[in-house]
Amino acid sequence: MSKKVFMSIGAEFIHAGHIAIIEKAAALGELTVGVLSDEAMMSYRGYPLLSYEERCQVVSHLKEVAHVVKKDTLEYDSIIRELRPDYVVHGDRWKADVKEKILALLEEYGGELVEFPYTDKKEFELFDNRVAEMRFMPEVRRGKLRRALQLANRPLRVLEAHNGLTGLIAEKTKITKDGQIRQFDAMWVSSLCDSTAKGKPDIELVDMTSRETTIDEIMEVTTKPIILDGDTGGIPEHFYYNVKTLERMGVSAIIIEDKVGLKKNSLFGTDVEQQQDSIENFCHKIRVGKSAQTTSDFMIIARIESLILKQGMEDAINRAFAYVKAGADGIMIHSKSDKPDEVREFCKIFREKYKDIPIVVVPTTYNVVTESELAECGVNVIIYANHLIRSAFPAMNKVAHMILENERSLEASENCMSIKEILTLI
């Protein structure tokens, strides 16, 4: 009886090096290839350029491959226990703890791990780099958010970024918890944080041209989708052209709030004078923005301020339904309560009518709620909207005070990242 062989592959692209290891694996017996699901690829390499179905089709046409199965996680536990292969094949570059775990699983029934050396060739490295460069292209980047919403079985995590450095933090920060890689799925370019980083008040003083420069800085060094805080969106005639520009740049979505007049930060609530736009006017603005699009990738998300301005749940729901009918691709419900109760109530009512329209939340004040709890409410996107700028200012202010106090920088050094670490990040 032929030996059973298993190997895992992303198959976003396949070059001669991959073919070589597949041929070696097939020589050991009947080869089953586990192709990583789109969700697994997202946690591993970022958004796949090809869908699972496309990648699966490529692998299934290789003559050495007898079977193709879906591998939903980077972990091997369930698939090894299900298939009980005689051999698990892997390249010789991987984390020691993952290898030890697989060896323990195979030992349970007498399976064997076979490692083949990776093929080191300059042309393969150049090919890998070219594929990586494609992730920066606007036409590739723009549709990532909409695709991620379709693929993910959890809410997307979005972190604020206000320059290239914070963009790199959002891009590169990862942890492993409960055997799963956790990272941020997208970046939020906040008007508050963009203004604060420039030392200006959050009153729409920083114009769209300047906002676009910030986006460019972030896009140059990152690949993840960008959601822009578009404030009120401005007058419809300007909003039309801004949508065209943002779509062309590769931005994935803009969120606009249903307020008029001088912009005041929502977290002031009714402590300052803020006026909500009429449903009719805001729906018109949404329709104008949607008419400006040339692709289906770009998203316009309507932000509802009814709970902030104490207009009540009924008003919030009526607006949400109207905005969706006007063409909004998603709804952001905003709240300054320190508890998530009203957001939960909104989500419950909204989900009774719309099962698939994305719901976006920003749990800045009600930060006791967890991602899993928000997922249970039907939330699709969770934005951590201002945490990098809020954490940066106290740290920098402390270092500045320490230098003045001690008339040297020695005492401040322990509060600073090393130059080597900074250079490595960049």
Protein backbone atom coordinates (compact mmCIF):
# COMPACT_ATOMS: atom_id res chain seq x y z
CA MET A 1 0.00 0.00 0.00
CA SER A 2 1.31 3.45 -0.93
CA LYS A 3 2.45 5.67 1.91
CA LYS A 4 0.37 8.74 2.69
CA VAL A 5 2.23 12.04 2.38
CA PHE A 6 1.04 15.48 3.44
CA MET A 7 2.41 18.98 2.89
CA SER A 8 0.97 22.45 3.36
CA ILE A 9 1.29 25.33 0.93
CA GLY A 10 -0.05 28.83 0.46
CA ALA A 11 0.21 28.60 -3.35
CA GLU A 12 -0.20 32.31 -3.88
CA PHE A 13 2.42 31.75 -6.55
CA ILE A 14 4.40 28.66 -7.53
CA HIS A 15 7.92 28.69 -8.98
CA ALA A 16 10.48 25.99 -9.73
CA GLY A 17 11.56 25.80 -6.09
CA HIS A 18 8.04 24.84 -5.02
CA ILE A 19 7.78 22.29 -7.83
CA ALA A 20 11.06 20.70 -6.69
CA ILE A 21 9.82 20.09 -3.14
CA ILE A 22 6.43 18.87 -4.42
CA GLU A 23 8.21 16.33 -6.64
CA LYS A 24 10.31 15.13 -3.71
CA ALA A 25 7.21 14.81 -1.54
CA ALA A 26 5.34 12.85 -4.23
CA ALA A 27 8.25 10.43 -4.52
CA LEU A 28 7.55 9.31 -0.94
CA GLY A 29 3.97 8.19 -1.69
CA GLU A 30 0.47 9.47 -2.41
CA LEU A 31 0.64 13.23 -1.91
CA THR A 32 -2.11 15.28 -0.31
CA VAL A 33 -1.56 19.04 -0.35
CA GLY A 34 -3.26 21.28 2.21
CA VAL A 35 -3.88 24.66 0.59
CA LEU A 36 -4.20 27.46 3.14
CA SER A 37 -7.61 29.11 3.25
CA ASP A 38 -7.91 32.82 2.55
CA GLU A 39 -8.36 33.47 6.28
CA ALA A 40 -5.21 31.52 7.11
CA MET A 41 -3.28 33.37 4.40
CA MET A 42 -4.46 36.68 5.85
CA SER A 43 -2.94 35.80 9.21
CA TYR A 44 0.28 34.58 7.61
CA ARG A 45 1.31 36.72 4.65
CA GLY A 46 -1.48 39.25 4.39
CA TYR A 47 -4.26 39.39 1.83
CA PRO A 48 -3.73 36.74 -0.88
CA LEU A 49 -3.52 38.00 -4.44
CA LEU A 50 -5.41 34.90 -5.57
CA SER A 51 -8.49 33.47 -3.89
CA TYR A 52 -8.50 30.03 -2.27
CA GLU A 53 -10.46 28.62 -5.20
CA GLU A 54 -7.91 29.96 -7.70
CA ARG A 55 -4.94 28.70 -5.68
CA CYS A 56 -6.61 25.32 -5.17
CA GLN A 57 -7.19 24.98 -8.90
CA VAL A 58 -3.51 25.63 -9.64
CA VAL A 59 -2.33 23.00 -7.14
CA SER A 60 -4.88 20.39 -8.22
CA HIS A 61 -3.56 20.54 -11.80
CA LEU A 62 -0.05 19.48 -10.74
CA LYS A 63 0.43 15.86 -11.80
CA GLU A 64 2.32 15.00 -8.59
CA VAL A 65 -0.65 15.96 -6.39
CA ALA A 66 -3.18 13.19 -5.68
CA HIS A 67 -5.51 15.15 -3.37
CA VAL A 68 -6.09 18.75 -2.32
CA VAL A 69 -7.66 19.67 1.03
CA LYS A 70 -8.44 22.98 2.68
CA LYS A 71 -6.22 23.99 5.58
CA ASP A 72 -8.12 26.56 7.65
CA THR A 73 -5.33 27.44 10.09
CA LEU A 74 -1.56 27.50 10.22
CA GLU A 75 -1.74 24.79 12.87
CA TYR A 76 -1.29 21.13 11.89
CA ASP A 77 -3.12 19.48 14.82
CA SER A 78 -6.53 18.77 13.35
CA ILE A 79 -5.38 17.88 9.85
CA ILE A 80 -2.68 15.46 11.04
CA ARG A 81 -5.14 13.74 13.38
CA GLU A 82 -7.69 13.51 10.56
CA LEU A 83 -5.38 12.30 7.77
CA ARG A 84 -2.77 10.43 9.84
CA PRO A 85 -0.13 10.71 7.10
CA ASP A 86 2.95 8.49 7.15
CA TYR A 87 5.06 11.50 6.20
CA VAL A 88 4.63 15.22 6.73
CA VAL A 89 6.87 17.19 4.38
CA HIS A 90 8.16 20.67 5.15
CA GLY A 91 11.03 22.93 4.18
CA ASP A 92 13.95 23.23 6.57
CA ARG A 93 13.25 26.82 7.66
CA TRP A 94 10.59 27.20 10.32
CA LYS A 95 10.01 27.96 13.97
CA ALA A 96 11.36 25.39 16.43
CA ASP A 97 8.21 25.33 18.59
CA VAL A 98 6.00 24.55 15.57
CA LYS A 99 8.34 21.76 14.53
CA GLU A 100 8.33 20.25 18.02
CA LYS A 101 4.54 20.27 18.09
CA ILE A 102 4.32 18.42 14.77
CA LEU A 103 6.90 15.86 15.90
CA ALA A 104 4.83 15.19 19.02
CA LEU A 105 1.68 14.69 16.93
CA LEU A 106 3.43 12.28 14.55
CA GLU A 107 4.92 10.34 17.43
CA GLU A 108 1.42 9.46 18.62
CA TYR A 109 0.98 6.99 15.77
CA GLY A 110 4.45 6.53 14.25
CA GLY A 111 4.39 9.19 11.52
CA GLU A 112 7.58 10.83 10.30
CA LEU A 113 8.60 14.40 9.54
CA VAL A 114 10.65 14.85 6.36
CA GLU A 115 12.44 18.15 5.82
CA PHE A 116 13.79 19.23 2.45
CA PRO A 117 16.16 22.19 2.09
CA TYR A 118 14.78 25.35 0.54
CA THR A 119 16.12 26.16 -2.91
CA ASP A 120 18.30 29.28 -2.72
CA LYS A 121 18.38 30.89 -6.14
CA LYS A 122 18.57 34.56 -7.01
CA GLU A 123 15.76 34.30 -9.57
CA PHE A 124 13.39 32.84 -6.96
CA GLU A 125 14.18 35.67 -4.57
CA LEU A 126 13.56 38.22 -7.31
CA PHE A 127 10.26 36.52 -8.14
CA ASP A 128 9.19 36.64 -4.48
CA ASN A 129 10.10 40.32 -4.31
CA ARG A 130 8.11 41.15 -7.44
CA VAL A 131 5.04 39.45 -6.03
CA ALA A 132 5.50 41.35 -2.75
CA GLU A 133 5.72 44.62 -4.68
CA MET A 134 2.34 43.94 -6.26
CA ARG A 135 0.74 44.34 -2.82
CA PHE A 136 1.64 48.06 -2.91
CA MET A 137 -0.21 48.69 -6.18
CA PRO A 138 -3.39 50.81 -5.84
CA GLU A 139 -5.53 48.44 -7.89
CA VAL A 140 -4.50 45.53 -5.65
CA ARG A 141 -4.74 47.41 -2.38
CA ARG A 142 -8.06 49.17 -2.96
CA GLY A 143 -10.23 46.04 -2.92
CA LYS A 144 -8.56 44.42 0.09
CA LEU A 145 -11.02 45.74 2.67
CA ARG A 146 -14.13 44.60 0.83
CA ARG A 147 -12.53 41.21 0.22
CA ALA A 148 -11.43 40.87 3.84
CA LEU A 149 -14.99 41.55 4.99
CA GLN A 150 -16.13 38.66 2.80
CA LEU A 151 -13.38 36.30 3.98
CA ALA A 152 -13.05 36.95 7.69
CA ASN A 153 -15.08 34.98 10.23
CA ARG A 154 -14.38 37.63 12.88
CA PRO A 155 -14.44 41.43 13.09
CA LEU A 156 -11.57 43.16 11.31
CA ARG A 157 -9.12 44.96 13.62
CA VAL A 158 -8.20 48.44 12.45
CA LEU A 159 -5.48 50.59 14.04
CA GLU A 160 -5.00 54.32 13.72
CA ALA A 161 -2.01 55.52 11.70
CA HIS A 162 -1.02 59.14 11.13
CA ASN A 163 2.35 58.87 9.36
CA GLY A 164 4.69 56.32 7.80
CA LEU A 165 6.11 55.17 11.14
CA THR A 166 2.73 54.46 12.73
CA GLY A 167 1.72 52.82 9.47
CA LEU A 168 4.65 50.43 9.87
CA ILE A 169 3.51 49.64 13.42
CA ALA A 170 0.01 48.81 12.16
CA GLU A 171 1.52 46.79 9.30
CA LYS A 172 4.09 44.76 11.22
CA THR A 173 2.75 44.25 14.75
CA LYS A 174 1.87 40.58 15.32
CA ILE A 175 1.48 38.30 18.30
CA THR A 176 0.80 34.59 18.64
CA LYS A 177 -1.96 33.69 21.08
CA ASP A 178 -3.76 30.37 21.48
CA GLY A 179 -1.84 29.06 18.49
CA GLN A 180 -3.14 31.82 16.22
CA ILE A 181 -1.34 34.81 14.74
CA ARG A 182 -3.08 38.08 15.62
CA GLN A 183 -2.47 41.29 13.75
CA PHE A 184 -4.26 44.38 12.49
CA ASP A 185 -6.20 44.03 9.25
CA ALA A 186 -6.32 47.66 8.14
CA MET A 187 -5.38 51.23 9.05
CA TRP A 188 -7.57 54.16 10.07
CA VAL A 189 -6.33 57.58 8.98
CA SER A 190 -8.11 59.74 11.53
CA SER A 191 -8.70 63.45 11.06
CA LEU A 192 -8.16 63.93 14.82
CA CYS A 193 -4.79 62.19 14.77
CA ASP A 194 -3.69 63.73 11.47
CA SER A 195 -4.54 67.19 12.82
CA THR A 196 -2.92 66.52 16.21
CA ALA A 197 0.28 65.25 14.58
CA LYS A 198 0.44 68.57 12.75
CA GLY A 199 -0.26 70.53 15.95
CA LYS A 200 -3.64 71.75 14.71
CA PRO A 201 -7.19 71.50 16.12
CA ASP A 202 -9.61 68.86 14.84
CA ILE A 203 -11.96 71.25 13.00
CA GLU A 204 -11.40 70.18 9.37
CA LEU A 205 -8.58 72.76 9.26
CA VAL A 206 -6.24 70.24 7.61
CA ASP A 207 -7.46 70.20 4.02
CA MET A 208 -7.88 67.16 1.79
CA THR A 209 -4.65 67.81 -0.11
CA SER A 210 -2.72 67.56 3.15
CA ARG A 211 -4.70 64.47 4.16
CA GLU A 212 -3.75 62.87 0.84
CA THR A 213 -0.07 63.58 1.56
CA THR A 214 -0.40 61.68 4.85
CA ILE A 215 -2.03 58.79 3.02
CA ASP A 216 0.81 58.77 0.49
CA GLU A 217 3.40 58.59 3.28
CA ILE A 218 1.64 55.58 4.78
CA MET A 219 1.07 53.86 1.44
CA GLU A 220 4.73 54.08 0.49
CA VAL A 221 5.75 51.75 3.32
CA THR A 222 2.69 49.54 3.93
CA THR A 223 0.35 47.18 2.07
CA LYS A 224 -2.73 46.91 4.28
CA PRO A 225 -6.00 48.63 3.33
CA ILE A 226 -6.67 52.18 4.45
CA ILE A 227 -9.95 53.58 5.78
CA LEU A 228 -10.04 57.38 5.74
CA ASP A 229 -11.87 59.47 8.30
CA GLY A 230 -13.57 61.89 5.92
CA ASP A 231 -15.23 64.07 8.59
CA THR A 232 -18.49 65.41 7.08
CA GLY A 233 -17.33 64.78 3.52
CA GLY A 234 -17.70 68.51 2.74
CA ILE A 235 -20.18 69.76 0.18
CA PRO A 236 -21.43 67.09 -2.27
CA GLU A 237 -19.67 68.70 -5.26
CA HIS A 238 -16.29 68.46 -3.49
CA PHE A 239 -17.05 65.00 -2.11
CA TYR A 240 -17.57 63.73 -5.68
CA TYR A 241 -14.02 64.60 -6.70
CA ASN A 242 -12.47 63.52 -3.40
CA VAL A 243 -13.97 60.06 -3.87
CA LYS A 244 -12.45 59.87 -7.35
CA THR A 245 -9.03 60.86 -6.01
CA LEU A 246 -9.07 58.48 -3.06
CA GLU A 247 -10.23 55.57 -5.21
CA ARG A 248 -7.44 56.26 -7.71
CA MET A 249 -4.87 56.38 -4.87
CA GLY A 250 -5.88 52.93 -3.66
CA VAL A 251 -7.75 53.91 -0.48
CA SER A 252 -10.28 51.22 0.39
CA ALA A 253 -12.99 53.24 2.15
CA ILE A 254 -14.04 56.63 3.44
CA ILE A 255 -16.26 57.16 6.47
CA ILE A 256 -18.30 60.35 6.55
CA GLU A 257 -20.40 61.61 9.46
CA ASP A 258 -23.89 63.07 9.23
CA LYS A 259 -23.12 66.50 10.67
CA VAL A 260 -22.98 69.99 9.19
CA GLY A 261 -21.30 73.24 10.15
CA LEU A 262 -17.95 73.71 11.86
CA LYS A 263 -16.49 70.31 12.71
CA LYS A 264 -16.31 69.54 16.44
CA ASN A 265 -14.97 66.23 17.70
CA SER A 266 -17.83 63.84 18.42
CA LEU A 267 -16.55 62.93 21.87
CA PHE A 268 -17.50 66.44 23.04
CA GLY A 269 -21.08 65.30 22.49
CA THR A 270 -23.65 67.91 23.49
CA ASP A 271 -21.07 69.86 25.54
CA VAL A 272 -20.46 71.92 22.41
CA GLU A 273 -22.85 72.98 19.68
CA GLN A 274 -23.04 70.33 16.95
CA GLN A 275 -25.69 70.07 14.27
CA GLN A 276 -26.76 66.86 12.59
CA ASP A 277 -27.44 66.91 8.87
CA SER A 278 -30.89 66.08 7.55
CA ILE A 279 -31.47 62.55 6.31
CA GLU A 280 -32.37 63.90 2.87
CA ASN A 281 -29.16 65.95 2.49
CA PHE A 282 -26.87 63.21 3.77
CA CYS A 283 -28.46 60.60 1.50
CA HIS A 284 -27.86 62.95 -1.42
CA LYS A 285 -24.19 63.20 -0.46
CA ILE A 286 -23.88 59.41 -0.32
CA ARG A 287 -25.48 59.06 -3.75
CA VAL A 288 -23.16 61.70 -5.19
CA GLY A 289 -20.13 59.88 -3.79
CA LYS A 290 -21.27 56.53 -5.13
CA SER A 291 -21.82 58.04 -8.58
CA ALA A 292 -18.17 59.14 -8.62
CA GLN A 293 -16.79 55.61 -8.28
CA THR A 294 -15.33 53.80 -11.26
CA THR A 295 -14.87 50.44 -9.52
CA SER A 296 -16.90 48.38 -7.06
CA ASP A 297 -13.90 48.09 -4.71
CA PHE A 298 -14.16 51.47 -2.97
CA MET A 299 -16.53 51.75 -0.02
CA ILE A 300 -18.46 54.73 1.35
CA ILE A 301 -19.46 54.13 4.97
CA ALA A 302 -22.02 56.35 6.70
CA ARG A 303 -21.31 57.40 10.28
CA ILE A 304 -24.35 58.08 12.44
CA GLU A 305 -24.11 60.70 15.21
CA SER A 306 -27.59 60.30 16.66
CA LEU A 307 -26.45 58.62 19.89
CA ILE A 308 -23.66 61.17 20.34
CA LEU A 309 -26.14 64.05 20.01
CA LYS A 310 -28.81 62.36 22.15
CA GLN A 311 -31.32 62.09 19.32
CA GLY A 312 -32.33 58.59 20.37
CA MET A 313 -32.18 55.05 19.05
CA GLU A 314 -35.15 55.44 16.72
CA ASP A 315 -33.46 58.32 14.93
CA ALA A 316 -30.22 56.31 14.62
CA ILE A 317 -32.04 53.32 13.14
CA ASN A 318 -34.12 55.41 10.73
CA ARG A 319 -30.97 57.09 9.48
CA ALA A 320 -29.15 53.78 9.11
CA PHE A 321 -31.93 52.30 6.98
CA ALA A 322 -32.11 55.45 4.83
CA TYR A 323 -28.34 55.59 4.31
CA VAL A 324 -28.21 51.96 3.20
CA LYS A 325 -31.01 52.61 0.72
CA ALA A 326 -29.03 55.61 -0.57
CA GLY A 327 -26.11 53.29 -1.35
CA ALA A 328 -23.89 53.32 1.75
CA ASP A 329 -21.62 50.26 1.78
CA GLY A 330 -21.58 50.11 5.58
CA ILE A 331 -22.79 51.84 8.72
CA MET A 332 -20.66 53.19 11.54
CA ILE A 333 -22.59 53.69 14.75
CA HIS A 334 -20.87 56.11 17.11
CA SER A 335 -21.28 56.39 20.87
CA LYS A 336 -19.54 58.24 23.70
CA SER A 337 -21.09 56.11 26.43
CA ASP A 338 -18.72 54.27 28.75
CA LYS A 339 -20.82 51.14 28.28
CA PRO A 340 -21.55 49.25 25.03
CA ASP A 341 -25.28 48.83 25.73
CA GLU A 342 -26.65 51.30 23.18
CA VAL A 343 -24.29 50.04 20.48
CA ARG A 344 -25.44 46.48 21.20
CA GLU A 345 -29.07 47.58 20.95
CA PHE A 346 -28.44 49.36 17.65
CA CYS A 347 -26.69 46.31 16.17
CA LYS A 348 -29.52 43.99 17.22
CA ILE A 349 -32.20 46.14 15.58
CA PHE A 350 -30.14 46.83 12.46
CA ARG A 351 -29.30 43.13 11.97
CA GLU A 352 -33.01 42.24 12.00
CA LYS A 353 -33.32 44.08 8.67
CA TYR A 354 -29.83 43.91 7.17
CA LYS A 355 -27.84 40.71 7.70
CA ASP A 356 -24.85 41.49 5.49
CA ILE A 357 -24.28 45.26 5.53
CA PRO A 358 -21.04 45.85 7.49
CA ILE A 359 -21.33 47.50 10.91
CA VAL A 360 -18.34 49.56 12.07
CA VAL A 361 -17.74 50.58 15.70
CA VAL A 362 -15.14 52.69 17.52
CA PRO A 363 -15.02 51.52 21.15
CA THR A 364 -12.91 54.41 22.47
CA THR A 365 -15.07 55.25 25.48
CA TYR A 366 -16.74 51.84 25.95
CA ASN A 367 -13.41 50.02 25.81
CA VAL A 368 -14.45 47.37 28.36
CA VAL A 369 -16.11 45.39 25.57
CA THR A 370 -14.05 42.68 23.86
CA GLU A 371 -13.75 41.88 20.18
CA SER A 372 -15.53 38.56 20.65
CA GLU A 373 -18.44 40.28 22.43
CA LEU A 374 -18.75 42.77 19.57
CA ALA A 375 -18.63 39.88 17.10
CA GLU A 376 -21.66 38.36 18.83
CA CYS A 377 -23.52 41.62 18.16
CA GLY A 378 -22.82 41.34 14.43
CA VAL A 379 -20.03 43.93 14.29
CA ASN A 380 -17.71 43.60 11.26
CA VAL A 381 -15.06 46.28 11.83
CA ILE A 382 -13.53 47.50 15.10
CA ILE A 383 -11.47 50.70 14.87
CA TYR A 384 -8.89 51.55 17.52
CA ALA A 385 -9.09 55.14 16.45
CA ASN A 386 -6.50 57.25 18.26
CA HIS A 387 -4.38 55.06 20.50
CA LEU A 388 -1.00 55.51 18.83
CA ILE A 389 -1.12 59.32 18.92
CA ARG A 390 -2.45 59.25 22.50
CA SER A 391 0.34 56.95 23.64
CA ALA A 392 3.07 58.79 21.71
CA PHE A 393 2.48 62.23 23.22
CA PRO A 394 2.92 61.23 26.91
CA ALA A 395 6.03 59.20 26.06
CA MET A 396 7.68 62.01 24.09
CA ASN A 397 6.65 64.63 26.65
CA LYS A 398 8.20 62.54 29.44
CA VAL A 399 11.52 62.19 27.60
CA ALA A 400 11.64 65.93 26.86
CA HIS A 401 11.08 66.72 30.57
CA MET A 402 13.77 64.21 31.63
CA ILE A 403 16.36 65.79 29.34
CA LEU A 404 15.60 69.24 30.75
CA GLU A 405 15.66 67.96 34.31
CA ASN A 406 18.98 66.13 34.04
CA GLU A 407 20.72 68.34 31.47
CA ARG A 408 21.60 65.20 29.50
CA SER A 409 19.81 62.30 27.81
CA LEU A 410 21.22 59.37 29.82
CA GLU A 411 18.25 59.09 32.19
CA ALA A 412 15.81 59.26 29.28
CA SER A 413 17.48 56.43 27.36
CA GLU A 414 15.52 53.65 29.05
CA ASN A 415 12.32 55.23 27.74
CA CYS A 416 13.61 55.27 24.17
CA MET A 417 13.76 52.61 21.48
CA SER A 418 17.32 51.88 20.41
CA ILE A 419 18.57 53.25 17.11
CA LYS A 420 19.24 49.66 15.99
CA GLU A 421 15.61 48.67 16.64
CA ILE A 422 14.38 51.73 14.75
CA LEU A 423 16.60 50.92 11.77
CA THR A 424 15.40 47.30 11.83
CA LEU A 425 11.76 48.40 11.81
CA ILE A 426 12.32 50.72 8.87
